[in-house]
Structure formats: structure tokens, C-alpha cells
Protein backbone atom coordinates (compact mmCIF):
# COMPACT_ATOMS: atom_id res chain seq x y z
CA UNK A 1 74.01 221.45 -22.32
CA UNK A 2 76.06 219.83 -19.69
CA UNK A 3 76.08 221.23 -15.64
CA UNK A 4 78.72 221.00 -14.00
CA UNK A 5 80.28 222.24 -11.05
CA UNK A 6 82.82 224.70 -12.07
CA UNK A 7 81.83 227.65 -14.73
CA UNK A 8 84.95 226.85 -16.84
CA UNK A 9 83.39 223.37 -17.59
CA UNK A 10 80.44 224.70 -18.84
CA UNK A 11 80.30 224.38 -22.80
CA UNK A 12 78.58 221.75 -25.77
CA UNK A 13 77.38 218.40 -25.13
CA UNK A 14 80.50 216.64 -23.38
CA UNK A 15 80.87 212.97 -24.96
CA UNK A 16 83.47 210.60 -23.41
CA UNK A 17 87.19 210.91 -24.59
CA UNK A 18 87.17 208.78 -27.80
CA UNK A 19 91.46 209.04 -27.45
CA UNK A 20 93.57 207.19 -25.35
CA UNK A 21 95.87 209.63 -23.28
CA UNK A 22 99.80 208.58 -24.16
CA UNK A 23 101.04 205.57 -22.35
CA UNK A 24 103.69 205.99 -19.19
CA UNK A 25 106.42 204.40 -21.35
CA UNK A 26 109.09 204.80 -18.26
CA UNK A 27 106.95 202.44 -16.54
CA UNK A 28 106.02 199.95 -18.91
CA UNK A 29 106.15 196.39 -18.94
CA UNK A 30 108.32 195.29 -21.68
CA UNK A 31 109.38 191.54 -22.12
CA UNK A 32 113.60 190.99 -21.79
CA UNK A 33 113.72 189.68 -25.41
CA UNK A 34 112.37 192.87 -26.64
CA UNK A 35 114.43 195.37 -24.70
CA UNK A 36 116.50 197.22 -26.98
CA UNK A 37 120.46 197.69 -26.83
CA UNK A 38 122.10 200.60 -25.40
CA UNK A 39 122.36 203.56 -27.35
CA UNK A 40 125.02 206.15 -27.46
CA UNK A 41 124.70 209.46 -25.83
CA UNK A 42 122.41 211.86 -28.12
CA UNK A 43 124.66 214.84 -28.73
CA UNK A 44 122.39 218.50 -27.92
CA UNK A 45 120.61 219.89 -30.60
CA UNK A 46 122.06 224.27 -30.73
CA UNK A 47 120.02 226.53 -29.44
CA UNK A 48 116.94 224.45 -28.02
CA UNK A 49 114.37 225.49 -25.11
CA UNK A 50 113.13 222.99 -22.74
CA UNK A 51 109.91 222.23 -21.60
CA UNK A 52 110.33 222.57 -18.01
CA UNK A 53 111.78 226.09 -18.21
CA UNK A 54 108.97 227.60 -19.90
CA UNK A 55 106.31 225.56 -17.82
CA UNK A 56 105.70 225.83 -14.51
CA UNK A 57 102.85 223.65 -13.02
CA UNK A 58 102.96 226.04 -9.64
CA UNK A 59 102.72 229.36 -11.62
CA UNK A 60 100.23 228.40 -14.05
CA UNK A 61 97.31 226.51 -11.81
CA UNK A 62 97.24 223.58 -13.54
CA UNK A 63 97.45 220.02 -12.81
CA UNK A 64 100.81 218.02 -14.08
CA UNK A 65 98.90 215.49 -15.58
CA UNK A 66 97.27 218.45 -17.72
CA UNK A 67 100.31 219.39 -19.14
CA UNK A 68 100.83 216.44 -21.36
CA UNK A 69 97.27 216.79 -22.63
CA UNK A 70 97.17 218.05 -26.27
CA UNK A 71 94.53 220.80 -24.23
CA UNK A 72 95.49 221.73 -21.63
CA UNK A 73 92.22 221.85 -18.99
CA UNK A 74 90.12 221.46 -22.71
CA UNK A 75 86.32 220.08 -22.32
CA UNK A 76 85.62 216.89 -24.77
CA UNK A 77 87.73 214.23 -26.41
CA UNK A 78 91.37 215.57 -27.23
CA UNK A 79 93.40 214.13 -30.18
CA UNK A 80 97.37 213.70 -29.09
CA UNK A 81 100.13 216.44 -29.39
CA UNK A 82 102.78 215.58 -31.80
CA UNK A 83 104.87 213.88 -29.28
CA UNK A 84 101.83 211.94 -27.51
CA UNK A 85 101.30 210.95 -31.59
CA UNK A 86 104.99 209.54 -31.96
CA UNK A 87 104.97 207.82 -28.65
CA UNK A 88 101.27 206.35 -29.02
CA UNK A 89 102.80 205.35 -33.06
CA UNK A 90 105.59 203.60 -31.85
CA UNK A 91 103.40 202.26 -28.40
CA UNK A 92 100.98 200.47 -30.71
CA UNK A 93 103.63 198.96 -32.87
CA UNK A 94 104.75 196.06 -30.39
CA UNK A 95 100.51 195.35 -30.02
CA UNK A 96 100.24 195.42 -33.75
CA UNK A 97 102.50 193.72 -35.42
CA UNK A 98 100.45 194.94 -38.71
CA UNK A 99 101.86 198.58 -38.06
CA UNK A 100 105.67 197.28 -38.14
CA UNK A 101 104.81 195.28 -41.24
CA UNK A 102 103.03 198.28 -43.06
CA UNK A 103 106.25 200.19 -42.91
CA UNK A 104 108.60 201.89 -40.11
CA UNK A 105 107.77 203.28 -36.94
CA UNK A 106 109.58 205.93 -34.79
CA UNK A 107 112.52 205.81 -32.55
CA UNK A 108 111.58 206.10 -29.00
CA UNK A 109 114.99 207.27 -27.91
CA UNK A 110 114.71 210.04 -30.67
CA UNK A 111 111.09 210.97 -30.04
CA UNK A 112 111.91 211.54 -26.11
CA UNK A 113 114.99 213.59 -27.22
CA UNK A 114 112.68 216.14 -29.40
CA UNK A 115 110.06 216.34 -26.59
CA UNK A 116 112.98 217.65 -24.57
CA UNK A 117 114.54 219.65 -27.01
CA UNK A 118 113.50 222.10 -29.83
CA UNK A 119 115.01 225.11 -31.52
CA UNK A 120 113.41 228.57 -30.99
CA UNK A 121 113.18 229.67 -34.64
CA UNK A 122 112.57 227.91 -37.69
CA UNK A 123 113.79 230.03 -40.81
CA UNK A 124 113.23 229.37 -44.29
CA UNK A 125 116.76 229.02 -45.26
CA UNK A 126 117.02 225.96 -42.58
CA UNK A 127 114.32 223.63 -44.13
CA UNK A 128 115.66 220.26 -45.22
CA UNK A 129 112.98 218.23 -46.26
CA UNK A 130 112.59 215.28 -44.00
CA UNK A 131 115.71 216.41 -42.18
CA UNK A 132 114.30 219.57 -40.75
CA UNK A 133 110.48 220.72 -41.38
CA UNK A 134 109.00 223.57 -40.23
CA UNK A 135 108.74 223.02 -36.49
CA UNK A 136 112.50 221.72 -36.64
CA UNK A 137 111.63 217.79 -36.40
CA UNK A 138 113.56 215.97 -38.06
CA UNK A 139 112.07 212.85 -39.29
CA UNK A 140 114.98 211.34 -40.72
CA UNK A 141 116.32 211.06 -37.14
CA UNK A 142 113.07 209.42 -36.27
CA UNK A 143 113.49 206.67 -38.93
CA UNK A 144 110.21 207.71 -40.88
CA UNK A 145 109.22 210.09 -43.18
CA UNK A 146 106.61 213.19 -43.05
CA UNK A 147 104.84 211.47 -45.86
CA UNK A 148 104.13 208.38 -43.54
CA UNK A 149 103.53 210.56 -40.42
CA UNK A 150 101.10 212.29 -42.35
CA UNK A 151 99.58 209.31 -43.49
CA UNK A 152 98.93 208.04 -39.75
CA UNK A 153 98.30 210.92 -38.66
CA UNK A 154 95.18 211.41 -40.91
CA UNK A 155 94.13 207.57 -40.04
CA UNK A 156 94.22 208.06 -36.03
CA UNK A 157 92.98 211.26 -36.44
CA UNK A 158 88.65 211.98 -34.33
CA UNK A 159 87.03 215.42 -36.15
CA UNK A 160 84.47 216.14 -33.58
CA UNK A 161 81.03 216.22 -34.12
CA UNK A 162 78.00 216.94 -32.20
CA UNK A 163 75.93 215.27 -34.45
CA UNK A 164 76.64 211.87 -35.00
CA UNK A 165 77.86 210.48 -38.48
CA UNK A 166 77.38 214.48 -39.84
CA UNK A 167 81.28 214.38 -40.83
CA UNK A 168 81.28 211.27 -43.31
CA UNK A 169 81.24 212.09 -46.99
CA UNK A 170 79.10 210.04 -49.52
CA UNK A 171 78.96 210.11 -53.12
CA UNK A 172 75.76 212.42 -53.09
CA UNK A 173 77.20 214.82 -50.97
CA UNK A 174 77.62 218.32 -52.61
CA UNK A 175 81.11 218.58 -50.42
CA UNK A 176 83.89 218.75 -53.03
CA UNK A 177 87.99 218.00 -51.79
CA UNK A 178 89.62 220.86 -54.35
CA UNK A 179 92.71 219.97 -55.55
CA UNK A 180 96.16 221.47 -54.11
CA UNK A 181 98.11 222.79 -57.16
CA UNK A 182 98.60 226.35 -55.98
CA UNK A 183 100.96 228.79 -54.52
CA UNK A 184 99.95 231.94 -52.99
CA UNK A 185 102.13 232.29 -49.84
CA UNK A 186 105.70 230.48 -48.86
CA UNK A 187 107.26 229.57 -45.58
CA UNK A 188 109.05 232.59 -43.89
CA UNK A 189 109.62 231.50 -40.42
CA UNK A 190 108.21 229.97 -37.08
CA UNK A 191 109.10 230.21 -33.66
CA UNK A 192 108.62 227.62 -31.50
CA UNK A 193 106.39 228.33 -28.41
CA UNK A 194 105.20 226.18 -25.59
CA UNK A 195 103.49 228.53 -23.60
CA UNK A 196 100.62 229.07 -26.19
CA UNK A 197 97.53 228.26 -23.75
CA UNK A 198 94.63 226.58 -25.80
CA UNK A 199 91.32 226.31 -23.30
CA UNK A 200 88.61 224.51 -25.17
CA UNK A 201 88.63 221.97 -28.27
CA UNK A 202 86.23 223.82 -29.96
CA UNK A 203 87.00 227.36 -29.75
CA UNK A 204 89.88 228.58 -32.04
CA UNK A 205 89.72 232.36 -32.62
CA UNK A 206 92.61 232.72 -30.25
CA UNK A 207 94.72 235.01 -32.29
CA UNK A 208 95.16 238.67 -32.29
CA UNK A 209 97.25 240.35 -35.11
CA UNK A 210 97.64 244.45 -34.95
CA UNK A 211 100.49 244.51 -37.81
CA UNK A 212 103.56 242.31 -38.81
CA UNK A 213 105.32 242.47 -35.93
CA UNK A 214 102.52 242.77 -32.80
CA UNK A 215 101.17 239.32 -32.70
CA UNK A 216 99.29 238.44 -29.60
CA UNK A 217 98.42 235.22 -28.02
CA UNK A 218 97.15 233.49 -24.69
CA UNK A 219 99.45 232.44 -22.05
CA UNK A 220 99.51 230.85 -18.88
CA UNK A 221 99.09 233.62 -16.95
CA UNK A 222 98.99 236.70 -19.21
CA UNK A 223 98.86 237.79 -22.89
CA UNK A 224 102.04 237.60 -25.05
CA UNK A 225 103.06 240.01 -27.54
CA UNK A 226 105.02 238.45 -30.77
CA UNK A 227 107.38 239.99 -33.29
CA UNK A 228 107.76 237.36 -35.66
CA UNK A 229 109.99 239.63 -37.99
CA UNK A 230 112.53 238.94 -35.11
CA UNK A 231 111.14 236.53 -32.50
CA UNK A 232 111.33 238.97 -29.85
CA UNK A 233 108.43 238.42 -27.06
CA UNK A 234 106.94 240.87 -24.12
CA UNK A 235 103.71 240.64 -22.07
CA UNK A 236 100.78 242.29 -23.49
CA UNK A 237 98.60 242.30 -20.75
CA UNK A 238 98.74 240.23 -17.23
CA UNK A 239 96.42 239.07 -14.96
CA UNK A 240 95.92 239.36 -11.35
CA UNK A 241 93.99 236.00 -10.82
CA UNK A 242 93.92 232.99 -12.82
CA UNK A 243 90.03 232.94 -13.55
CA UNK A 244 91.04 236.25 -15.60
CA UNK A 245 93.79 234.44 -17.28
CA UNK A 246 91.36 231.64 -18.53
CA UNK A 247 91.04 233.29 -21.93
CA UNK A 248 88.61 231.78 -24.79
CA UNK A 249 88.74 234.27 -27.32
CA UNK A 250 91.13 237.28 -28.59
CA UNK A 251 91.27 239.31 -31.24
CA UNK A 252 93.39 242.75 -31.90
CA UNK A 253 93.50 245.90 -34.51
CA UNK A 254 95.76 248.32 -34.91
CA UNK A 255 94.78 250.35 -31.32
CA UNK A 256 93.02 247.36 -29.52
CA UNK A 257 93.43 243.99 -27.79
CA UNK A 258 90.52 242.43 -26.43
CA UNK A 259 90.00 239.05 -24.91
CA UNK A 260 87.09 237.20 -23.60
CA UNK A 261 87.18 234.70 -20.57
CA UNK A 262 85.35 231.68 -19.68
CA UNK A 263 83.43 233.76 -17.10
CA UNK A 264 81.39 236.10 -19.09
CA UNK A 265 84.04 238.89 -18.64
CA UNK A 266 86.43 241.08 -21.11
CA UNK A 267 89.37 242.64 -20.60
CA UNK A 268 91.16 245.26 -23.36
CA UNK A 269 93.46 247.90 -23.94
CA UNK A 270 94.86 250.41 -26.28
CA UNK A 271 97.87 249.36 -27.92
CA UNK A 272 99.10 253.46 -28.38
CA UNK A 273 101.88 254.39 -26.17
CA UNK A 274 100.17 257.74 -24.73
CA UNK A 275 98.09 254.76 -22.96
CA UNK A 276 100.49 252.53 -21.40
CA UNK A 277 99.47 248.83 -20.16
CA UNK A 278 96.06 249.88 -18.51
CA UNK A 279 93.63 247.19 -18.58
CA UNK A 280 90.04 248.01 -19.10
CA UNK A 281 87.44 245.16 -17.85
CA UNK A 282 83.73 244.25 -17.61
CA UNK A 283 81.41 241.63 -17.28
CA UNK A 284 78.80 240.16 -19.98
CA UNK A 285 76.87 237.60 -18.10
CA UNK A 286 76.63 235.98 -14.38
CA UNK A 287 75.44 233.09 -16.30
CA UNK A 288 77.22 229.65 -15.02
CA UNK A 289 77.60 228.71 -19.24
CA UNK A 290 78.43 232.63 -19.96
CA UNK A 291 81.90 231.38 -21.81
CA UNK A 292 82.72 234.47 -24.25
CA UNK A 293 83.20 232.33 -27.25
CA UNK A 294 84.04 235.09 -30.12
CA UNK A 295 84.59 238.45 -30.11
CA UNK A 296 84.80 240.83 -33.36
CA UNK A 297 85.96 244.43 -33.16
CA UNK A 298 84.50 247.10 -35.55
CA UNK A 299 83.60 250.65 -35.85
CA UNK A 300 80.11 251.89 -35.19
CA UNK A 301 78.45 252.51 -38.17
CA UNK A 302 77.36 256.29 -37.46
CA UNK A 303 81.23 256.92 -36.02
CA UNK A 304 84.58 255.81 -35.48
CA UNK A 305 83.44 254.72 -32.00
CA UNK A 306 85.31 251.56 -31.44
CA UNK A 307 82.88 248.24 -30.73
CA UNK A 308 83.40 245.04 -29.44
CA UNK A 309 80.25 242.12 -31.05
CA UNK A 310 80.61 239.23 -28.18
CA UNK A 311 79.15 235.94 -29.24
CA UNK A 312 78.54 233.84 -25.73
CA UNK A 313 77.58 230.68 -24.64
CA UNK A 314 74.76 231.87 -22.87
CA UNK A 315 72.74 232.18 -26.11
CA UNK A 316 73.28 236.18 -25.62
CA UNK A 317 74.82 238.07 -27.98
CA UNK A 318 75.93 242.05 -27.28
CA UNK A 319 78.17 244.66 -28.04
CA UNK A 320 80.09 246.72 -26.32
CA UNK A 321 81.16 250.80 -26.56
CA UNK A 322 84.85 250.24 -25.72
CA UNK A 323 84.83 254.29 -25.42
CA UNK A 324 82.55 253.93 -22.28
CA UNK A 325 82.96 250.65 -21.70
CA UNK A 326 79.57 249.83 -21.54
CA UNK A 327 76.85 247.69 -23.14
CA UNK A 328 75.00 249.02 -25.70
CA UNK A 329 72.99 246.27 -27.29
CA UNK A 330 71.81 242.53 -26.13
CA UNK A 331 70.01 240.15 -27.81
CA UNK A 332 69.05 236.68 -26.90
CA UNK A 333 68.77 233.57 -29.60
CA UNK A 334 67.41 230.17 -29.33
CA UNK A 335 71.14 228.59 -28.92
CA UNK A 336 74.50 229.13 -28.12
CA UNK A 337 76.60 231.88 -30.64
CA UNK A 338 80.17 230.51 -31.70
CA UNK A 339 81.26 233.12 -34.27
CA UNK A 340 79.84 236.62 -35.99
CA UNK A 341 81.08 238.65 -38.98
CA UNK A 342 80.00 241.82 -39.70
CA UNK A 343 79.48 242.88 -43.32
CA UNK A 344 81.39 246.01 -45.16
CA UNK A 345 78.55 248.32 -44.80
CA UNK A 346 78.21 247.61 -41.54
CA UNK A 347 74.47 246.49 -42.11
CA UNK A 348 74.45 242.54 -41.73
CA UNK A 349 75.62 240.30 -39.56
CA UNK A 350 76.10 236.49 -40.45
CA UNK A 351 76.34 234.42 -36.87
CA UNK A 352 77.07 230.40 -36.31
CA UNK A 353 76.87 228.57 -33.24
CA UNK A 354 75.30 225.39 -31.88
CA UNK A 355 72.63 225.11 -34.58
CA UNK A 356 73.25 223.21 -38.52
CA UNK A 357 71.70 227.16 -39.86
CA UNK A 358 73.43 229.89 -40.61
CA UNK A 359 71.75 233.06 -39.78
CA UNK A 360 71.96 236.49 -41.35
CA UNK A 361 70.74 239.46 -38.57
CA UNK A 362 70.36 242.92 -38.65
CA UNK A 363 73.90 244.23 -37.76
CA UNK A 364 71.63 247.01 -35.48
CA UNK A 365 68.28 245.38 -34.08
CA UNK A 366 69.74 241.53 -34.02
CA UNK A 367 66.39 240.65 -36.23
CA UNK A 368 67.26 237.32 -38.05
CA UNK A 369 66.35 238.06 -41.90
CA UNK A 370 67.77 234.58 -43.09
CA UNK A 371 67.77 231.34 -41.57
CA UNK A 372 69.96 229.34 -44.29
CA UNK A 373 69.96 225.38 -43.91
CA UNK A 374 72.81 223.26 -45.73
CA UNK A 375 75.59 222.30 -43.15
CA UNK A 376 74.88 219.19 -40.98
CA UNK A 377 76.40 219.95 -37.63
CA UNK A 378 77.11 223.30 -35.23
CA UNK A 379 79.49 226.19 -36.41
CA UNK A 380 82.20 227.55 -34.98
CA UNK A 381 83.75 229.92 -38.15
CA UNK A 382 82.96 232.53 -40.65
CA UNK A 383 83.38 235.87 -42.36
CA UNK A 384 82.33 238.27 -45.04
CA UNK A 385 84.18 239.39 -47.56
CA UNK A 386 85.44 242.75 -48.72
CA UNK A 387 83.23 242.68 -51.86
CA UNK A 388 80.06 242.96 -49.99
CA UNK A 389 78.21 239.66 -50.12
CA UNK A 390 80.77 236.47 -50.50
CA UNK A 391 79.86 235.16 -47.37
CA UNK A 392 81.71 231.66 -45.89
CA UNK A 393 80.77 229.39 -42.67
CA UNK A 394 82.56 226.29 -41.74
CA UNK A 395 81.38 223.84 -39.53
CA UNK A 396 81.79 220.23 -37.75
CA UNK A 397 80.43 218.41 -40.79
CA UNK A 398 84.18 219.31 -42.34
CA UNK A 399 82.33 221.31 -45.02
CA UNK A 400 82.72 225.15 -45.82
CA UNK A 401 79.95 226.55 -47.54
CA UNK A 402 79.92 229.86 -49.68
CA UNK A 403 76.96 231.91 -49.58
CA UNK A 404 75.92 235.31 -52.07
CA UNK A 405 73.97 237.98 -50.02
CA UNK A 406 72.71 238.62 -53.21
CA UNK A 407 70.50 235.04 -53.86
CA UNK A 408 70.68 233.80 -50.41
CA UNK A 409 67.72 231.77 -51.68
CA UNK A 410 66.12 230.29 -55.15
CA UNK A 411 62.61 230.53 -56.28
CA UNK A 412 61.38 227.74 -54.39
CA UNK A 413 62.55 229.03 -51.07
CA UNK A 414 65.88 226.89 -50.21
CA UNK A 415 68.55 228.33 -49.02
CA UNK A 416 71.36 228.37 -52.00
CA UNK A 417 75.26 227.99 -51.34
CA UNK A 418 77.32 228.54 -54.47
CA UNK A 419 80.58 226.23 -53.56
CA UNK A 420 80.50 223.70 -50.70
CA UNK A 421 84.12 223.26 -49.72
CA UNK A 422 85.23 220.08 -47.49
CA UNK A 423 88.48 220.59 -45.52
CA UNK A 424 90.87 217.91 -45.12
CA UNK A 425 91.19 216.19 -41.82
CA UNK A 426 88.59 217.91 -39.18
CA UNK A 427 85.87 220.99 -39.26
CA UNK A 428 87.18 224.47 -40.42
CA UNK A 429 87.70 226.24 -37.08
CA UNK A 430 88.85 230.23 -38.11
CA UNK A 431 88.01 231.65 -41.76
CA UNK A 432 89.39 234.86 -43.12
CA UNK A 433 88.88 236.33 -46.77
CA UNK A 434 92.12 237.76 -47.96
CA UNK A 435 91.93 241.98 -47.80
CA UNK A 436 91.04 244.50 -50.23
CA UNK A 437 93.76 245.43 -52.59
CA UNK A 438 95.88 242.57 -51.47
CA UNK A 439 95.95 240.80 -55.01
CA UNK A 440 94.14 237.78 -56.00
CA UNK A 441 91.07 236.95 -53.73
CA UNK A 442 91.62 233.94 -51.12
CA UNK A 443 89.83 232.54 -48.24
CA UNK A 444 91.67 231.35 -45.64
CA UNK A 445 90.41 227.97 -43.35
CA UNK A 446 92.17 226.79 -40.90
CA UNK A 447 90.78 222.96 -39.49
CA UNK A 448 90.96 222.43 -35.80
CA UNK A 449 94.29 220.65 -36.60
CA UNK A 450 97.24 220.89 -38.64
CA UNK A 451 96.09 222.25 -42.01
CA UNK A 452 95.62 225.70 -43.11
CA UNK A 453 93.86 225.95 -46.64
CA UNK A 454 94.36 228.81 -48.73
CA UNK A 455 91.24 228.53 -51.57
CA UNK A 456 90.84 230.44 -54.37
CA UNK A 457 88.19 232.44 -53.71
CA UNK A 458 86.75 233.81 -56.93
CA UNK A 459 86.43 230.29 -58.44
CA UNK A 460 86.19 227.79 -55.53
CA UNK A 461 87.64 225.29 -57.43
CA UNK A 462 91.63 225.08 -56.27
CA UNK A 463 93.78 225.53 -53.12
CA UNK A 464 96.77 225.57 -51.58
CA UNK A 465 97.24 223.70 -48.47
CA UNK A 466 100.15 223.77 -45.91
CA UNK A 467 100.36 221.69 -43.05
CA UNK A 468 101.92 221.39 -39.81
CA UNK A 469 101.67 218.98 -37.22
CA UNK A 470 99.51 220.25 -33.97
CA UNK A 471 96.06 222.17 -32.62
CA UNK A 472 95.37 225.65 -34.59
CA UNK A 473 94.45 228.30 -32.49
CA UNK A 474 93.39 230.69 -35.56
CA UNK A 475 94.89 232.79 -38.85
CA UNK A 476 95.07 236.26 -39.68
CA UNK A 477 96.37 238.49 -42.62
CA UNK A 478 98.68 241.01 -41.73
CA UNK A 479 100.75 243.41 -43.77
CA UNK A 480 97.76 244.36 -46.12
CA UNK A 481 97.13 241.07 -46.20
CA UNK A 482 100.73 240.41 -47.66
CA UNK A 483 101.85 238.31 -44.30
CA UNK A 484 99.44 235.67 -43.26
CA UNK A 485 99.99 234.54 -39.35
CA UNK A 486 98.92 231.14 -37.98
CA UNK A 487 99.39 230.27 -34.12
CA UNK A 488 99.88 226.22 -33.64
CA UNK A 489 98.83 225.22 -30.06
CA UNK A 490 101.20 222.28 -29.84
CA UNK A 491 102.45 221.61 -25.96
CA UNK A 492 106.05 220.79 -27.45
CA UNK A 493 106.11 222.28 -31.22
CA UNK A 494 103.44 225.27 -31.16
CA UNK A 495 103.78 228.78 -31.74
CA UNK A 496 103.81 231.15 -34.70
CA UNK A 497 104.08 230.94 -38.19
CA UNK A 498 104.64 233.45 -40.89
CA UNK A 499 103.71 233.06 -44.27
CA UNK A 500 104.70 235.39 -46.78
CA UNK A 501 102.89 236.29 -50.38
CA UNK A 502 104.09 235.32 -53.25
CA UNK A 503 102.58 235.33 -56.32
CA UNK A 504 103.71 238.78 -56.31
CA UNK A 505 99.40 239.78 -56.46
CA UNK A 506 100.15 240.62 -60.18
CA UNK A 507 98.23 238.11 -62.55
CA UNK A 508 96.48 240.89 -64.07
CA UNK A 509 96.01 243.15 -60.99
CA UNK A 510 96.36 246.01 -63.53
CA UNK A 511 96.53 244.80 -66.71
CA UNK A 512 93.22 243.39 -66.76
CA UNK A 513 91.66 246.78 -66.54
CA UNK A 514 92.91 247.17 -70.63
CA UNK A 515 91.92 243.60 -71.89
CA UNK A 516 88.65 241.40 -71.62
CA UNK A 517 89.55 239.19 -68.57
CA UNK A 518 88.14 235.67 -68.74
CA UNK A 519 86.25 233.93 -66.20
CA UNK A 520 84.35 231.02 -65.31
CA UNK A 521 81.01 230.69 -66.01
CA UNK A 522 78.66 231.55 -63.12
CA UNK A 523 76.35 234.42 -62.36
CA UNK A 524 77.64 234.98 -58.87
CA UNK A 525 81.51 235.27 -60.19
CA UNK A 526 82.93 239.06 -59.95
CA UNK A 527 84.89 239.84 -63.07
CA UNK A 528 88.45 240.81 -62.27
CA UNK A 529 91.22 239.53 -60.04
CA UNK A 530 91.11 241.16 -56.56
CA UNK A 531 87.62 241.98 -54.68
CA UNK A 532 86.51 244.77 -57.31
CA UNK A 533 86.11 244.94 -60.89
CA UNK A 534 89.43 246.65 -61.59
CA UNK A 535 92.48 248.15 -60.05
CA UNK A 536 91.02 252.13 -60.06
CA UNK A 537 87.71 250.66 -57.68
CA UNK A 538 90.43 249.05 -55.40
CA UNK A 539 92.64 251.79 -54.90
CA UNK A 540 89.30 254.64 -54.46
CA UNK A 541 87.73 252.25 -51.54
CA UNK A 542 88.83 253.64 -48.22
CA UNK A 543 89.53 249.73 -46.55
CA UNK A 544 92.11 248.79 -49.73
CA UNK A 545 95.77 248.06 -48.50
CA UNK A 546 97.41 249.40 -51.90
CA UNK A 547 97.58 252.73 -54.26
CA UNK A 548 97.31 252.76 -57.69
CA UNK A 549 100.80 253.40 -57.96
CA UNK A 550 102.03 250.29 -56.19
CA UNK A 551 99.06 247.85 -57.98
CA UNK A 552 101.77 249.22 -61.30
CA UNK A 553 104.24 248.89 -60.18
CA UNK A 554 103.38 245.07 -58.91
CA UNK A 555 101.97 244.48 -62.25
CA UNK A 556 105.18 245.69 -64.18
CA UNK A 557 107.55 243.42 -62.20
CA UNK A 558 105.23 240.51 -62.56
CA UNK A 559 105.00 241.14 -66.31
CA UNK A 560 109.24 242.03 -67.21
CA UNK A 561 111.29 241.18 -64.28
CA UNK A 562 112.87 237.58 -63.90
CA UNK A 563 112.82 236.03 -60.62
């Protein structure tokens, strides 16, 4: 733990930055012999937005230099945002002839054009491969391919670790990089927003999704509400002073929007129209390292009372009754808590934090029931599946471990994970299991930047990968699991991306109840396609997202319709 004068900058071990800042090209000294020839004026792009129009240093409270940073005011090392990445690539090619010898480099005038202008919205019908990608980037105009840019990004990206070399892979490691052969979701749209405010490079749960039309993310002086179906925005929560606007975690349910801050505070409001925009606030701790690392909304086990479970950096785990705005439980642990998830029956809780081990605790008393070993670095993501026993944890060692609550340890008392999945480029910072009743069971893992992995949560052998360029602020399901929302925090090409389920959710979703379903071997694998054995069980569960009639229609469409 490092103590600094400003509480905002108090969190985990803070090493020196390992990535250089983007050079100031305007004042770079270039020999006359290498000066480029004058270029023709560039034609403006249609329906564009300028960064200067949306980010005003005078109102954000940020130093102008922070605005050139991928993570404004963040702690620790930063990887460059997409425009810095392109600039560094072009700049380094002048100093290293090997870069140009191995392939083309991006055109600097086109980089500057991309930095100045970008589309407000990119829809599926507009995609043109390298000529126009998810984020409205024309790699063709830049003079490179997207594949080449991805290779360069992979080679230069620095995954942050607290334990040296914890993310190194070797032949004896249990981590497996899964084959990207699945196709569960397809791209629908991305709304480019340059006001997404990511304040901490380790804390990436700053996305709240109440429904398919209500998505929330932190901006510079407020929390914005965004509708991915129309691209419209409005203010959901406005703050009167800068310290309150320093959001470190955020989530939403159908009824409540809640955010935690860097100073041990929290703010929440009810989303129904009857209560308007009234914002309630509270103080969890006054500790100078009281950053609110994570918050989860859930009902009380004994009533419908809404509760908020806060994991804080001062080693405390607190539960707040939102109906009275009072802390009803406070438990201190031996290290900072970074993320938690409640079991479907609300009896157990999984917690990860500034330690390699995973904690399984009693949800009411906080008693540690299991201390699971296996990870090699600190943890920042976890989730508990709707089946009640499948648990996922993601740590900075670039691994996602899958646990089974029916058998935490073997007969020798050793922690036993049923699968270990290796991430692509960085550690998993956000994990989400698909909702019950949404179709084939999936685990979504958003890495620190660029990659969103959609993993087969039945076999953990294959995945679908969606990649963009930029830091990620979280993922969440909407519309009963048929929509997937991802938040990109890139300064130039960040925003809200919406994916739509495209496998019809119907490969045996209904008909497997009438014939034997072939499953790979494995004691822990549940027969069936969704999180329950058959469709009747799925629709009978109170948290199910579908009716039996809907599932019959899906099965009929998949078996008899042609798309």
C-alpha cells in the first residue's frame, strides 16, 4: 500500500510507468531530407464529433496533459489510447528501421485526421472491413491493415501485474488459450462517446445496465444515461462538486442506479419516474484509502429490500440497506476487496482482492468458509452462475479459473478448479455469466483492454472473441441475455458497443428434453443446454428470462426455418 497526499491516488502498489507518453509531433525535430511533401487537403468526414466540443478542461477539473492520457488521472502505468498507439507506431518507425522493413506503418496526416474527427454512431450495415471497422476507423486510409495493427498492439501492450512474471505462460501451466471458433453474438452498433471517464487502471466495473435502452457510464461531471437502440443521451445523475464525480465503480438494476467513489462515498437514485432525479448519498468510510472498489445490487434474502454490497480498498466489506440508507453489515478482512458476487440462493459470496487466493464466505456473517489457491496474482473480477455451483474468478495473471461449489477441494485438501482459461492480451477485469433462460450458457470475460471473450460455459473448450481498440470499462447483459453491452473508455474511439445474440438460442434448447443429449465427459458438467437440465425447469425458475412458449418457438425456428 502506498500513501500519497491526495486520497484519490491511494490504492494498490504503484510502480513507475513503463510506457512512454506520446511524443509531441508538432515540435519533433525531423531532418529536412525526411520532410514529407505537401499533402492535399483532407475532405471532412460526415456526421463527426470533435474532441474539443465535448471535453473542456475548465469544467472537467483535469490538467490538459491528462486529456492526452488513455486513463485520465489514473494510477500506475498506462497503455496508450488508440491514437497514441498509432502515433507511437509511426514515430518509432523513424528510429527503428526494422519496423518499416517488416511492413507498412500508419500515415501521420491520417492519424491526425482520425484524432480530430470520428462518427457518432457506427452500425452493422456500415461495416466495410479494413475500410470501416467497429469504431469507424479506416485502416485502409491509414495505409495498414487491421490485422497488422492488432499484431503491433499485442506486441507492445503491457499487462499490469502486482507479482512479477505472474502472467508468464510456460509448458507446465494449466492455463489453456481456447480456440476462437464460436459465434454467439454479432455486432449491432457502437455509439462513439469521448466523455467516458475511467479513473483507475485496475477498476473496470463502471458500466450499469438497467435494460436494453438504459445504459449508464461515468462522465466528467455526471453519470450519463445512454440508449444503445437510438444513440440518445441524457444526464442520469449530476454532481455538485468534483470529488463526488470521481467514480470508481458503478452498477444498475431495473430499479436502482448506484455509484461508488474514491473517497469512501456512494450515491444512488431510483430509476422509476415517480421519484424523479432525487439522489441519495452516504459515507462508507473516512479512511484515506477508502476507495470503493466494487458494488453489487441484490435483494435481501429474507425480503424484497434492496441491498448494496460494497468492496472497499480499506479492507472493509459493507452492506447498505438502500430503503433506509444505513449500513447493516461491516466486515474487515486482511486485504483490500476488489470484487464480489453473490450465489443465486444468497447464502454464499465469492470475493477476490489484493491476494492470490479466492475467498468463499457466508453471505450474512462474512465468515470465510473456503480459501482457494491457484491464481498467481491479485484478483479483480468474479461471478456466480445461475446454476448455483459454477463460479468464475479473473486475476491479473491472465487466467480465469472455474470452480465448482460442490467440490472446492480434493480429498487431499487441495483447491481444485475444474478449468483454467488463459486470456488473450491482459487480465480479465469483468466477468459475467449469461442469465438463466437466455440460451446456451456463456461466460463473458472483458480484459483490461481490447478483447471481449465469450466462452462456452458448458465445456470451457471454445470461445468467440470480439476485439476493438481501447481500454474496457465493463460488460453486462441486457434484454434477457439477448443483448450484450460493452463499454470502451478510449479517449478518441471509446463508447458503448451493442452485440446481439445470433445463435437463435435454440440448438437443442427445447428438443433435448425428448432425446438423450450427448455431453463430453466430466463429473461437473450439467446435462442440457441452458443452466438447467430441461426447458421445463428453466421456465419454472423465478429468475428465468423466458416462458415455455417462447422456448418452443425458438426451437421450431431453429429446426424448420431458413435464414
